[in-house]
C-alpha atoms as a PDB file:
ATOM      1  CA  MET A   1      96.178 151.076  60.545  1.00  0.00           C
ATOM      2  CA  ALA A   2      95.019 147.810  62.093  1.00  0.00           C
ATOM      3  CA  GLU A   3      98.138 146.070  60.771  1.00  0.00           C
ATOM      4  CA  ARG A   4     100.417 148.718  62.328  1.00  0.00           C
ATOM      5  CA  LYS A   5      98.650 148.280  65.673  1.00  0.00           C
ATOM      6  CA  LYS A   6      99.157 144.525  65.465  1.00  0.00           C
ATOM      7  CA  ILE A   7     102.886 144.955  64.770  1.00  0.00           C
ATOM      8  CA  THR A   8     103.211 147.366  67.707  1.00  0.00           C
ATOM      9  CA  ILE A   9     101.587 144.843  70.057  1.00  0.00           C
ATOM     10  CA  ILE A  10     103.908 142.086  68.879  1.00  0.00           C
ATOM     11  CA  VAL A  11     107.002 144.261  69.337  1.00  0.00           C
ATOM     12  CA  ARG A  12     105.971 145.303  72.841  1.00  0.00           C
ATOM     13  CA  MET A  13     105.173 141.745  73.888  1.00  0.00           C
ATOM     14  CA  GLY A  14     108.474 140.576  72.411  1.00  0.00           C
ATOM     15  CA  LYS A  15     110.403 143.160  74.457  1.00  0.00           C
ATOM     16  CA  LYS A  16     108.544 142.153  77.590  1.00  0.00           C
ATOM     17  CA  LEU A  17     109.328 138.469  77.087  1.00  0.00           C
ATOM     18  CA  LYS A  18     112.963 139.276  76.433  1.00  0.00           C
ATOM     19  CA  LYS A  19     113.114 141.180  79.690  1.00  0.00           C
ATOM     20  CA  GLU A  20     111.527 138.287  81.576  1.00  0.00           C
ATOM     21  CA  GLY A  21     113.973 135.844  80.004  1.00  0.00           C
ATOM     22  CA  GLU A  22     116.895 137.611  81.649  1.00  0.00           C
ATOM     23  CA  LYS A  23     116.113 136.131  85.093  1.00  0.00           C
ATOM     24  CA  ILE A  24     115.894 132.335  85.024  1.00  0.00           C
ATOM     25  CA  THR A  25     115.932 130.607  88.419  1.00  0.00           C
ATOM     26  CA  THR A  26     114.684 127.093  87.604  1.00  0.00           C
ATOM     27  CA  SER A  27     116.936 124.435  86.114  1.00  0.00           C
ATOM     28  CA  PRO A  28     116.191 122.383  82.972  1.00  0.00           C
ATOM     29  CA  GLU A  29     115.766 119.384  85.264  1.00  0.00           C
ATOM     30  CA  GLU A  30     113.036 121.179  87.204  1.00  0.00           C
ATOM     31  CA  CYS A  31     111.253 122.132  83.990  1.00  0.00           C
ATOM     32  CA  GLU A  32     111.341 118.512  82.905  1.00  0.00           C
ATOM     33  CA  ALA A  33     110.035 117.409  86.311  1.00  0.00           C
ATOM     34  CA  LEU A  34     107.182 119.889  85.978  1.00  0.00           C
ATOM     35  CA  ARG A  35     106.268 118.512  82.558  1.00  0.00           C
ATOM     36  CA  LYS A  36     106.304 114.985  83.928  1.00  0.00           C
ATOM     37  CA  ALA A  37     104.189 116.065  86.895  1.00  0.00           C
ATOM     38  CA  PHE A  38     101.108 116.283  84.721  1.00  0.00           C
ATOM     39  CA  SER A  39     102.040 114.263  81.648  1.00  0.00           C
ATOM     40  CA  GLY A  40     100.941 110.793  82.768  1.00  0.00           C
ATOM     41  CA  PRO A  41      97.550 109.349  81.795  1.00  0.00           C
ATOM     42  CA  HIS A  42      96.338 109.017  85.398  1.00  0.00           C
ATOM     43  CA  GLY A  43      96.491 111.823  87.962  1.00  0.00           C
ATOM     44  CA  VAL A  44      99.122 114.495  88.596  1.00  0.00           C
ATOM     45  CA  GLU A  45     102.245 114.658  90.776  1.00  0.00           C
ATOM     46  CA  GLU A  46     100.953 117.305  93.158  1.00  0.00           C
ATOM     47  CA  LYS A  47     103.974 117.508  95.462  1.00  0.00           C
ATOM     48  CA  SER A  48     106.656 118.206  92.849  1.00  0.00           C
ATOM     49  CA  MET A  49     104.276 120.429  90.893  1.00  0.00           C
ATOM     50  CA  LEU A  50     103.652 122.644  93.914  1.00  0.00           C
ATOM     51  CA  GLU A  51     107.324 122.793  94.881  1.00  0.00           C
ATOM     52  CA  ILE A  52     108.381 123.932  91.413  1.00  0.00           C
ATOM     53  CA  LEU A  53     105.466 126.238  90.593  1.00  0.00           C
ATOM     54  CA  VAL A  54     105.770 128.314  93.770  1.00  0.00           C
ATOM     55  CA  LYS A  55     109.477 128.774  92.996  1.00  0.00           C
ATOM     56  CA  CYS A  56     108.927 129.875  89.384  1.00  0.00           C
ATOM     57  CA  ASN A  57     108.956 133.556  88.460  1.00  0.00           C
ATOM     58  CA  PRO A  58     107.330 134.838  85.218  1.00  0.00           C
ATOM     59  CA  ALA A  59     110.553 134.319  83.266  1.00  0.00           C
ATOM     60  CA  ASP A  60     110.769 130.693  84.438  1.00  0.00           C
ATOM     61  CA  LEU A  61     107.187 130.071  83.347  1.00  0.00           C
ATOM     62  CA  THR A  62     107.884 131.642  79.965  1.00  0.00           C
ATOM     63  CA  THR A  63     110.864 129.336  79.500  1.00  0.00           C
ATOM     64  CA  PHE A  64     108.782 126.357  80.568  1.00  0.00           C
ATOM     65  CA  ARG A  65     106.028 127.178  78.065  1.00  0.00           C
ATOM     66  CA  LYS A  66     108.498 127.766  75.214  1.00  0.00           C
ATOM     67  CA  ASN A  67     110.215 124.447  75.912  1.00  0.00           C
ATOM     68  CA  SER A  68     106.957 122.479  76.044  1.00  0.00           C
ATOM     69  CA  PRO A  69     105.699 122.675  72.437  1.00  0.00           C
ATOM     70  CA  TYR A  70     103.487 119.614  72.793  1.00  0.00           C
ATOM     71  CA  ILE A  71     101.603 121.326  75.646  1.00  0.00           C
ATOM     72  CA  PHE A  72     101.687 124.967  74.541  1.00  0.00           C
ATOM     73  CA  LEU A  73     101.154 126.408  71.065  1.00  0.00           C
ATOM     74  CA  ASP A  74     102.753 129.522  69.601  1.00  0.00           C
ATOM     75  CA  ASP A  75     100.170 132.208  68.925  1.00  0.00           C
ATOM     76  CA  GLU A  76     100.442 134.796  66.164  1.00  0.00           C
ATOM     77  CA  TYR A  77     100.679 137.534  68.823  1.00  0.00           C
ATOM     78  CA  CYS A  78     103.892 136.029  70.232  1.00  0.00           C
ATOM     79  CA  PHE A  79     102.675 134.251  73.308  1.00  0.00           C
ATOM     80  CA  GLU A  80     102.375 130.587  74.183  1.00  0.00           C
ATOM     81  CA  LYS A  81      98.830 129.367  74.721  1.00  0.00           C
ATOM     82  CA  TRP A  82      97.641 126.083  76.174  1.00  0.00           C
ATOM     83  CA  ASP A  83      96.814 123.376  73.671  1.00  0.00           C
ATOM     84  CA  PRO A  84      93.038 122.935  74.280  1.00  0.00           C
ATOM     85  CA  PHE A  85      93.347 119.148  74.213  1.00  0.00           C
ATOM     86  CA  HIS A  86      96.062 119.113  76.894  1.00  0.00           C
ATOM     87  CA  MET A  87      94.210 121.674  78.995  1.00  0.00           C
ATOM     88  CA  LYS A  88      91.101 119.476  79.022  1.00  0.00           C
ATOM     89  CA  SER A  89      93.236 116.424  79.700  1.00  0.00           C
ATOM     90  CA  LEU A  90      94.877 118.075  82.713  1.00  0.00           C
ATOM     91  CA  GLU A  91      91.517 119.120  84.120  1.00  0.00           C
ATOM     92  CA  ILE A  92      90.402 115.489  83.948  1.00  0.00           C
ATOM     93  CA  LYS A  93      93.606 114.274  85.604  1.00  0.00           C
ATOM     94  CA  PHE A  94      93.053 116.606  88.541  1.00  0.00           C
ATOM     95  CA  LEU A  95      89.609 115.041  88.949  1.00  0.00           C
ATOM     96  CA  HIS A  96      90.886 111.465  89.167  1.00  0.00           C
ATOM     97  CA  PHE A  97      91.767 111.619  92.843  1.00  0.00           C
ATOM     98  CA  GLN A  98      88.592 113.522  93.695  1.00  0.00           C
ATOM     99  CA  ARG A  99      86.421 110.961  91.921  1.00  0.00           C
ATOM    100  CA  ALA A 100      88.227 108.061  93.571  1.00  0.00           C
ATOM    101  CA  VAL A 101      87.644 109.528  97.045  1.00  0.00           C
ATOM    102  CA  ILE A 102      83.978 110.217  96.315  1.00  0.00           C
ATOM    103  CA  GLN A 103      83.400 106.708  94.963  1.00  0.00           C
ATOM    104  CA  ARG A 104      85.185 105.142  97.924  1.00  0.00           C
ATOM    105  CA  THR A 105      83.032 107.003 100.468  1.00  0.00           C
ATOM    106  CA  MET A 106      79.746 106.597  98.563  1.00  0.00           C
ATOM    107  CA  HIS A 107      77.204 103.943  99.578  1.00  0.00           C
ATOM    108  CA  PRO A 108      77.669 100.948  97.223  1.00  0.00           C
ATOM    109  CA  TRP A 109      73.985 101.042  96.212  1.00  0.00           C
ATOM    110  CA  GLU A 110      74.189 104.693  95.166  1.00  0.00           C
ATOM    111  CA  ARG A 111      77.535 104.189  93.445  1.00  0.00           C
ATOM    112  CA  ASP A 112      76.244 101.270  91.387  1.00  0.00           C
ATOM    113  CA  ALA A 113      73.001 103.079  90.550  1.00  0.00           C
ATOM    114  CA  LEU A 114      75.013 105.994  89.137  1.00  0.00           C
ATOM    115  CA  LEU A 115      77.178 103.573  87.159  1.00  0.00           C
ATOM    116  CA  VAL A 116      74.087 101.870  85.723  1.00  0.00           C
ATOM    117  CA  ARG A 117      72.905 105.248  84.465  1.00  0.00           C
ATOM    118  CA  LYS A 118      76.328 106.070  83.080  1.00  0.00           C
ATOM    119  CA  SER A 119      76.642 102.753  81.246  1.00  0.00           C
ATOM    120  CA  LEU A 120      73.863 103.508  78.776  1.00  0.00           C
ATOM    121  CA  GLU A 121      74.174 107.292  78.575  1.00  0.00           C
ATOM    122  CA  GLU A 122      77.735 107.161  77.280  1.00  0.00           C
ATOM    123  CA  LYS A 123      78.365 107.363  73.532  1.00  0.00           C
ATOM    124  CA  PRO A 124      78.806 104.581  72.578  1.00  0.00           C
ATOM    125  CA  PRO A 125      76.973 102.771  75.402  1.00  0.00           C
ATOM    126  CA  LEU A 126      79.080 100.696  77.788  1.00  0.00           C
ATOM    127  CA  TYR A 127      77.277  97.360  77.719  1.00  0.00           C
ATOM    128  CA  ASN A 128      80.207  95.708  79.485  1.00  0.00           C
ATOM    129  CA  LEU A 129      79.817  98.072  82.451  1.00  0.00           C
ATOM    130  CA  LEU A 130      76.136  97.209  82.841  1.00  0.00           C
ATOM    131  CA  ILE A 131      76.972  93.497  82.588  1.00  0.00           C
ATOM    132  CA  GLU A 132      79.737  93.978  85.158  1.00  0.00           C
ATOM    133  CA  LEU A 133      77.311  95.534  87.627  1.00  0.00           C
ATOM    134  CA  ALA A 134      74.569  92.955  87.119  1.00  0.00           C
ATOM    135  CA  CYS A 135      76.841  89.892  87.137  1.00  0.00           C
ATOM    136  CA  THR A 136      79.660  90.569  89.626  1.00  0.00           C
ATOM    137  CA  ARG A 137      77.453  91.806  92.480  1.00  0.00           C
ATOM    138  CA  THR A 138      75.509  89.449  94.726  1.00  0.00           C
ATOM    139  CA  SER A 139      71.751  89.299  94.237  1.00  0.00           C
ATOM    140  CA  ASP A 140      71.187  91.422  97.349  1.00  0.00           C
ATOM    141  CA  GLU A 141      73.835  93.974  96.346  1.00  0.00           C
ATOM    142  CA  PHE A 142      72.328  94.551  92.927  1.00  0.00           C
ATOM    143  CA  LEU A 143      68.820  94.596  94.338  1.00  0.00           C
ATOM    144  CA  GLY A 144      70.016  97.457  96.559  1.00  0.00           C
ATOM    145  CA  ALA A 145      71.384  99.253  93.507  1.00  0.00           C
ATOM    146  CA  ARG A 146      68.024  98.817  91.766  1.00  0.00           C
ATOM    147  CA  LYS A 147      66.271 100.365  94.775  1.00  0.00           C
ATOM    148  CA  ALA A 148      68.723 103.271  94.801  1.00  0.00           C
ATOM    149  CA  PHE A 149      68.186 103.770  91.058  1.00  0.00           C
ATOM    150  CA  GLN A 150      64.443 104.125  91.584  1.00  0.00           C
ATOM    151  CA  CYS A 151      65.038 106.594  94.407  1.00  0.00           C
ATOM    152  CA  LEU A 152      67.450 108.699  92.336  1.00  0.00           C
ATOM    153  CA  TYR A 153      65.702 108.644  88.957  1.00  0.00           C
ATOM    154  CA  SER A 154      62.037 107.731  89.611  1.00  0.00           C
ATOM    155  CA  GLU A 155      62.159 104.788  87.215  1.00  0.00           C
ATOM    156  CA  SER A 156      63.257 101.174  87.413  1.00  0.00           C
ATOM    157  CA  VAL A 157      66.533  99.837  86.046  1.00  0.00           C
ATOM    158  CA  GLU A 158      64.526  97.424  83.890  1.00  0.00           C
ATOM    159  CA  GLU A 159      62.525 100.132  82.122  1.00  0.00           C
ATOM    160  CA  PHE A 160      65.609 102.337  81.742  1.00  0.00           C
ATOM    161  CA  VAL A 161      67.473  99.512  79.986  1.00  0.00           C
ATOM    162  CA  ALA A 162      64.466  98.509  77.886  1.00  0.00           C
ATOM    163  CA  VAL A 163      64.102 102.046  76.535  1.00  0.00           C
ATOM    164  CA  LYS A 164      67.809 102.560  75.833  1.00  0.00           C
ATOM    165  CA  VAL A 165      68.649  99.231  74.177  1.00  0.00           C
ATOM    166  CA  GLN A 166      67.246  97.363  71.176  1.00  0.00           C
ATOM    167  CA  GLY A 167      67.259  93.823  69.752  1.00  0.00           C
ATOM    168  CA  PHE A 168      69.182  90.920  71.283  1.00  0.00           C
ATOM    169  CA  GLN A 169      71.080  93.278  73.581  1.00  0.00           C
ATOM    170  CA  ARG A 170      67.782  94.402  75.120  1.00  0.00           C
ATOM    171  CA  ARG A 171      66.628  90.832  75.750  1.00  0.00           C
ATOM    172  CA  LEU A 172      69.910  89.883  77.400  1.00  0.00           C
ATOM    173  CA  LEU A 173      70.481  93.033  79.445  1.00  0.00           C
ATOM    174  CA  VAL A 174      66.912  93.373  80.731  1.00  0.00           C
ATOM    175  CA  ALA A 175      67.033  89.730  81.831  1.00  0.00           C
ATOM    176  CA  LEU A 176      70.402  90.213  83.557  1.00  0.00           C
ATOM    177  CA  VAL A 177      69.331  93.289  85.543  1.00  0.00           C
ATOM    178  CA  SER A 178      65.978  91.708  86.476  1.00  0.00           C
ATOM    179  CA  THR A 179      67.156  88.367  87.848  1.00  0.00           C
ATOM    180  CA  TYR A 180      67.615  87.523  91.522  1.00  0.00           C
ATOM    181  CA  ARG A 181      69.949  84.541  91.413  1.00  0.00           C
ATOM    182  CA  TYR A 182      70.128  81.711  93.920  1.00  0.00           C
ATOM    183  CA  GLU A 183      73.331  82.281  95.920  1.00  0.00           C
ATOM    184  CA  GLY A 184      73.716  78.821  97.433  1.00  0.00           C
ATOM    185  CA  MET A 185      76.054  75.970  96.519  1.00  0.00           C
ATOM    186  CA  GLN A 186      73.495  73.295  95.635  1.00  0.00           C
ATOM    187  CA  ILE A 187      73.561  72.233  91.969  1.00  0.00           C
ATOM    188  CA  ASP A 188      71.883  69.713  89.676  1.00  0.00           C
ATOM    189  CA  GLU A 189      74.572  67.560  88.035  1.00  0.00           C
ATOM    190  CA  ALA A 190      72.225  66.207  85.363  1.00  0.00           C
ATOM    191  CA  ALA A 191      71.065  69.725  84.433  1.00  0.00           C
ATOM    192  CA  ILE A 192      74.664  70.914  84.237  1.00  0.00           C
ATOM    193  CA  LYS A 193      75.589  68.201  81.741  1.00  0.00           C
ATOM    194  CA  LEU A 194      72.502  68.868  79.647  1.00  0.00           C
ATOM    195  CA  GLU A 195      72.934  72.655  79.646  1.00  0.00           C
ATOM    196  CA  CYS A 196      76.614  72.356  78.819  1.00  0.00           C
ATOM    197  CA  GLN A 197      75.609  70.379  75.715  1.00  0.00           C
ATOM    198  CA  LYS A 198      72.974  72.959  74.795  1.00  0.00           C
ATOM    199  CA  LEU A 199      75.511  75.772  74.969  1.00  0.00           C
ATOM    200  CA  ALA A 200      77.993  73.774  72.906  1.00  0.00           C
ATOM    201  CA  ARG A 201      75.426  73.036  70.193  1.00  0.00           C
ATOM    202  CA  ALA A 202      74.448  76.703  69.976  1.00  0.00           C
ATOM    203  CA  ILE A 203      78.077  77.823  69.766  1.00  0.00           C
ATOM    204  CA  LYS A 204      79.230  75.170  67.288  1.00  0.00           C
ATOM    205  CA  THR A 205      76.619  76.261  64.732  1.00  0.00           C
ATOM    206  CA  ASP A 206      78.931  79.190  63.904  1.00  0.00           C
ATOM    207  CA  HIS A 207      75.891  81.333  63.193  1.00  0.00           C
ATOM    208  CA  ARG A 208      75.777  84.411  65.376  1.00  0.00           C
ATOM    209  CA  ASN A 209      72.045  84.945  64.840  1.00  0.00           C
ATOM    210  CA  GLU A 210      71.247  81.418  66.017  1.00  0.00           C
ATOM    211  CA  ILE A 211      73.170  81.914  69.248  1.00  0.00           C
ATOM    212  CA  GLU A 212      71.612  85.304  69.920  1.00  0.00           C
ATOM    213  CA  ASN A 213      68.097  83.996  69.262  1.00  0.00           C
ATOM    214  CA  ASP A 214      68.531  80.796  71.265  1.00  0.00           C
ATOM    215  CA  ASP A 215      66.163  81.041  74.244  1.00  0.00           C
ATOM    216  CA  GLU A 216      68.016  78.288  76.076  1.00  0.00           C
ATOM    217  CA  VAL A 217      71.312  80.205  75.952  1.00  0.00           C
ATOM    218  CA  LEU A 218      69.515  83.258  77.325  1.00  0.00           C
ATOM    219  CA  ARG A 219      67.748  81.244  80.040  1.00  0.00           C
ATOM    220  CA  ILE A 220      70.916  79.533  81.245  1.00  0.00           C
ATOM    221  CA  LEU A 221      73.019  82.699  81.437  1.00  0.00           C
ATOM    222  CA  THR A 222      70.359  84.902  83.025  1.00  0.00           C
ATOM    223  CA  THR A 223      68.741  82.587  85.600  1.00  0.00           C
ATOM    224  CA  ARG A 224      71.210  79.978  86.815  1.00  0.00           C
ATOM    225  CA  SER A 225      73.254  80.531  89.962  1.00  0.00           C
ATOM    226  CA  LYS A 226      76.887  81.533  89.671  1.00  0.00           C
ATOM    227  CA  HIS A 227      78.025  78.264  91.228  1.00  0.00           C
ATOM    228  CA  HIS A 228      75.922  76.360  88.696  1.00  0.00           C
ATOM    229  CA  LEU A 229      77.399  78.379  85.820  1.00  0.00           C
ATOM    230  CA  LYS A 230      80.960  77.951  87.069  1.00  0.00           C
ATOM    231  CA  THR A 231      80.395  74.199  87.083  1.00  0.00           C
ATOM    232  CA  ILE A 232      79.059  74.382  83.497  1.00  0.00           C
ATOM    233  CA  HIS A 233      82.166  76.400  82.593  1.00  0.00           C
ATOM    234  CA  LYS A 234      84.389  73.662  84.028  1.00  0.00           C
ATOM    235  CA  CYS A 235      82.373  70.920  82.328  1.00  0.00           C
ATOM    236  CA  TYR A 236      82.629  72.711  78.967  1.00  0.00           C
ATOM    237  CA  LYS A 237      86.407  72.918  79.298  1.00  0.00           C
ATOM    238  CA  GLU A 238      86.670  69.199  80.130  1.00  0.00           C
ATOM    239  CA  ASP A 239      84.299  68.014  77.390  1.00  0.00           C
ATOM    240  CA  TYR A 240      85.312  70.315  74.528  1.00  0.00           C
ATOM    241  CA  ASP A 241      88.913  71.222  75.408  1.00  0.00           C
ATOM    242  CA  SER A 242      88.281  74.971  75.110  1.00  0.00           C
ATOM    243  CA  ASN A 243      86.993  77.765  77.295  1.00  0.00           C
ATOM    244  CA  LEU A 244      83.384  78.818  76.937  1.00  0.00           C
ATOM    245  CA  GLU A 245      84.208  82.534  76.781  1.00  0.00           C
ATOM    246  CA  GLU A 246      86.856  81.956  74.107  1.00  0.00           C
ATOM    247  CA  ASP A 247      84.350  80.167  71.878  1.00  0.00           C
ATOM    248  CA  LEU A 248      82.061  83.189  72.280  1.00  0.00           C
ATOM    249  CA  ASP A 249      84.812  85.556  71.192  1.00  0.00           C
ATOM    250  CA  ASP A 250      82.828  86.926  68.242  1.00  0.00           C
ATOM    251  CA  ILE A 251      79.960  87.978  70.502  1.00  0.00           C
ATOM    252  CA  GLN A 252      81.583  90.337  73.008  1.00  0.00           C
ATOM    253  CA  ILE A 253      78.426  90.913  75.032  1.00  0.00           C
ATOM    254  CA  LEU A 254      78.090  87.161  75.742  1.00  0.00           C
ATOM    255  CA  ARG A 255      81.819  86.788  76.373  1.00  0.00           C
ATOM    256  CA  ASP A 256      81.679  89.563  78.989  1.00  0.00           C
ATOM    257  CA  THR A 257      78.614  87.951  80.569  1.00  0.00           C
ATOM    258  CA  VAL A 258      80.343  84.574  80.929  1.00  0.00           C
ATOM    259  CA  ASN A 259      83.547  86.130  82.296  1.00  0.00           C
ATOM    260  CA  CYS A 260      81.723  88.302  84.831  1.00  0.00           C
ATOM    261  CA  LEU A 261      79.643  85.355  86.053  1.00  0.00           C
ATOM    262  CA  CYS A 262      82.274  82.616  85.973  1.00  0.00           C
ATOM    263  CA  ALA A 263      85.682  84.310  86.175  1.00  0.00           C
ATOM    264  CA  PRO A 264      85.530  87.909  87.518  1.00  0.00           C
ATOM    265  CA  PRO A 265      89.320  88.127  88.171  1.00  0.00           C
ATOM    266  CA  ILE A 266      90.002  87.433  84.470  1.00  0.00           C
ATOM    267  CA  TYR A 267      87.507  90.094  83.419  1.00  0.00           C
ATOM    268  CA  PHE A 268      88.756  92.722  85.877  1.00  0.00           C
ATOM    269  CA  SER A 269      92.460  92.108  85.210  1.00  0.00           C
ATOM    270  CA  LYS A 270      91.853  92.724  81.507  1.00  0.00           C
ATOM    271  CA  ILE A 271      89.963  95.948  82.277  1.00  0.00           C
ATOM    272  CA  LEU A 272      92.861  97.135  84.455  1.00  0.00           C
ATOM    273  CA  ASP A 273      95.482  96.298  81.833  1.00  0.00           C
ATOM    274  CA  THR A 274      93.583  98.252  79.181  1.00  0.00           C
ATOM    275  CA  ALA A 275      93.134 101.202  81.551  1.00  0.00           C
ATOM    276  CA  MET A 276      96.898 101.375  82.122  1.00  0.00           C
ATOM    277  CA  SER A 277      97.881 101.046  78.475  1.00  0.00           C
ATOM    278  CA  ILE A 278      99.902 103.773  76.733  1.00  0.00           C
ATOM    279  CA  CYS A 279      96.991 105.804  75.336  1.00  0.00           C
ATOM    280  CA  PRO A 280      93.762 104.730  77.025  1.00  0.00           C
ATOM    281  CA  ALA A 281      90.445 106.343  76.111  1.00  0.00           C
ATOM    282  CA  GLU A 282      88.717 108.421  78.796  1.00  0.00           C
ATOM    283  CA  GLN A 283      86.200 105.655  79.518  1.00  0.00           C
ATOM    284  CA  GLU A 284      89.033 103.163  79.910  1.00  0.00           C
ATOM    285  CA  MET A 285      90.935 105.491  82.276  1.00  0.00           C
ATOM    286  CA  GLU A 286      87.843 105.839  84.479  1.00  0.00           C
ATOM    287  CA  ALA A 287      87.698 102.047  84.772  1.00  0.00           C
ATOM    288  CA  LEU A 288      90.964 102.045  86.762  1.00  0.00           C
ATOM    289  CA  THR A 289      89.273 103.940  89.577  1.00  0.00           C
ATOM    290  CA  ARG A 290      86.039 101.972  89.344  1.00  0.00           C
ATOM    291  CA  VAL A 291      87.585  98.517  89.506  1.00  0.00           C
ATOM    292  CA  ILE A 292      89.997  99.216  92.351  1.00  0.00           C
ATOM    293  CA  VAL A 293      87.480 101.126  94.460  1.00  0.00           C
ATOM    294  CA  THR A 294      84.662  98.606  94.019  1.00  0.00           C
ATOM    295  CA  ARG A 295      86.716  95.400  94.352  1.00  0.00           C
ATOM    296  CA  THR A 296      89.052  96.337  97.210  1.00  0.00           C
ATOM    297  CA  ASP A 297      86.923  94.593  99.828  1.00  0.00           C
ATOM    298  CA  VAL A 298      85.650  91.828  97.546  1.00  0.00           C
ATOM    299  CA  ASP A 299      88.227  89.937  95.470  1.00  0.00           C
ATOM    300  CA  MET A 300      91.247  92.203  94.990  1.00  0.00           C
ATOM    301  CA  LYS A 301      93.649  89.458  96.039  1.00  0.00           C
ATOM    302  CA  ASP A 302      92.341  87.194  93.259  1.00  0.00           C
ATOM    303  CA  ILE A 303      92.392  90.023  90.704  1.00  0.00           C
ATOM    304  CA  ALA A 304      95.989  90.944  91.577  1.00  0.00           C
ATOM    305  CA  ALA A 305      97.088  87.294  91.329  1.00  0.00           C
ATOM    306  CA  GLU A 306      95.405  86.900  87.927  1.00  0.00           C
ATOM    307  CA  PHE A 307      96.901  90.188  86.705  1.00  0.00           C
ATOM    308  CA  ASP A 308     100.399  89.063  87.703  1.00  0.00           C
ATOM    309  CA  ARG A 309      99.886  85.656  86.078  1.00  0.00           C
ATOM    310  CA  LYS A 310      98.491  87.005  82.812  1.00  0.00           C
ATOM    311  CA  TYR A 311     100.599  90.127  82.281  1.00  0.00           C
ATOM    312  CA  GLY A 312     103.823  89.172  84.040  1.00  0.00           C
ATOM    313  CA  ALA A 313     103.953  92.226  86.320  1.00  0.00           C
ATOM    314  CA  PRO A 314     102.580  92.925  89.805  1.00  0.00           C
ATOM    315  CA  LEU A 315      99.463  95.080  89.760  1.00  0.00           C
ATOM    316  CA  ILE A 316     100.925  97.548  92.247  1.00  0.00           C
ATOM    317  CA  GLU A 317     104.013  98.113  90.086  1.00  0.00           C
ATOM    318  CA  ARG A 318     101.854  98.795  87.040  1.00  0.00           C
ATOM    319  CA  ILE A 319      99.787 101.335  88.970  1.00  0.00           C
ATOM    320  CA  GLU A 320     102.917 103.070  90.244  1.00  0.00           C
ATOM    321  CA  ALA A 321     104.220 103.311  86.680  1.00  0.00           C
ATOM    322  CA  ALA A 322     100.944 104.550  85.165  1.00  0.00           C
ATOM    323  CA  ALA A 323      99.508 106.890  87.819  1.00  0.00           C
ATOM    324  CA  LEU A 324     100.831 109.963  89.621  1.00  0.00           C
ATOM    325  CA  GLY A 325     100.579 111.769  92.944  1.00  0.00           C
ATOM    326  CA  ASN A 326      97.810 111.372  95.488  1.00  0.00           C
ATOM    327  CA  TYR A 327      95.744 109.379  93.015  1.00  0.00           C
ATOM    328  CA  ARG A 328      98.522 106.803  92.623  1.00  0.00           C
ATOM    329  CA  ASP A 329      99.103 106.589  96.370  1.00  0.00           C
ATOM    330  CA  PHE A 330      95.383 106.155  97.047  1.00  0.00           C
ATOM    331  CA  LEU A 331      94.983 103.351  94.513  1.00  0.00           C
ATOM    332  CA  VAL A 332      98.116 101.553  95.717  1.00  0.00           C
ATOM    333  CA  ALA A 333      96.909 101.763  99.323  1.00  0.00           C
ATOM    334  CA  LEU A 334      93.529 100.300  98.354  1.00  0.00           C
ATOM    335  CA  VAL A 335      95.134  97.428  96.450  1.00  0.00           C
ATOM    336  CA  LYS A 336      97.425  96.648  99.391  1.00  0.00           C
ATOM    337  CA  ARG A 337      94.421  96.671 101.710  1.00  0.00           C
ATOM    338  CA  GLY A 338      92.544  94.322  99.410  1.00  0.00           C
ATOM    339  CA  MET A 339      95.487  91.938  99.081  1.00  0.00           C
ATOM    340  CA  ALA A 340      95.866  91.798 102.869  1.00  0.00           C
ATOM    341  CA  ASN A 341      92.249  90.723 103.409  1.00  0.00           C
END
């Protein structure tokens, strides 16, 4: 009996779909444009989507679903249902523009406090994001974020990090978020030469544990001013004919620390390139918004120049190729603003 009822339902639905299929008003080109409108990794093409969807009748939508097998799945009851993965993906894409607007209008202290929380609550934790926040902001900017964090969560950034992280990562990250670096240009040439040698000795041992447990490496990276560290970075290149961050390649957390302190444009251009790759992870896609929104009024011109130099394509062109709709237009406008400053 149940089987007969199932067959009856299928037959009726099949007749209904056949009837709908007799009145097609959209062209194959419009169906393809609709698919492309929400098939990119970043955002959706709202304008073309609206123009086509309001024109579609039920038969057009049926044709669209049947001709989009990678978005819709055939059900046993003869209807096309959304692929759950693509449905979730589209929901996230619609949020890209909303999140970008919210982050742009948010106070920088609150925005960074929320990002600090996010960095260690993600699975796996985003140590590079926490390092980015602690090392690319000025001392006063990150102090403001620490104040906002206490206001929002009733605990300090230091204790939050100490509870969430273990081992060498805890020692490094707690020290980075706790420091208030000297922001001036005065440096000690003798100390720079000595500390450059100390870093080289620790790195040349080729023993990861020795580098991670070296108190001098930790002290230099977590207390010295950025100008001091940039001078050490230059000295290391001249004396050892290699870049400090490249020699730390096996220890990603230290490599990110050095890049964020000494060469932020290199770090951020790599983050942007990964975010606009063919199949970025959700965390990587979110970085596109974060970097452009937070660096527009800081060093976007330098980031764009480094991106062009390293990847052989203008940053704006890559964004236009990877993103869609209002989200794309918003990001491009922010980059242009940053490059004009």
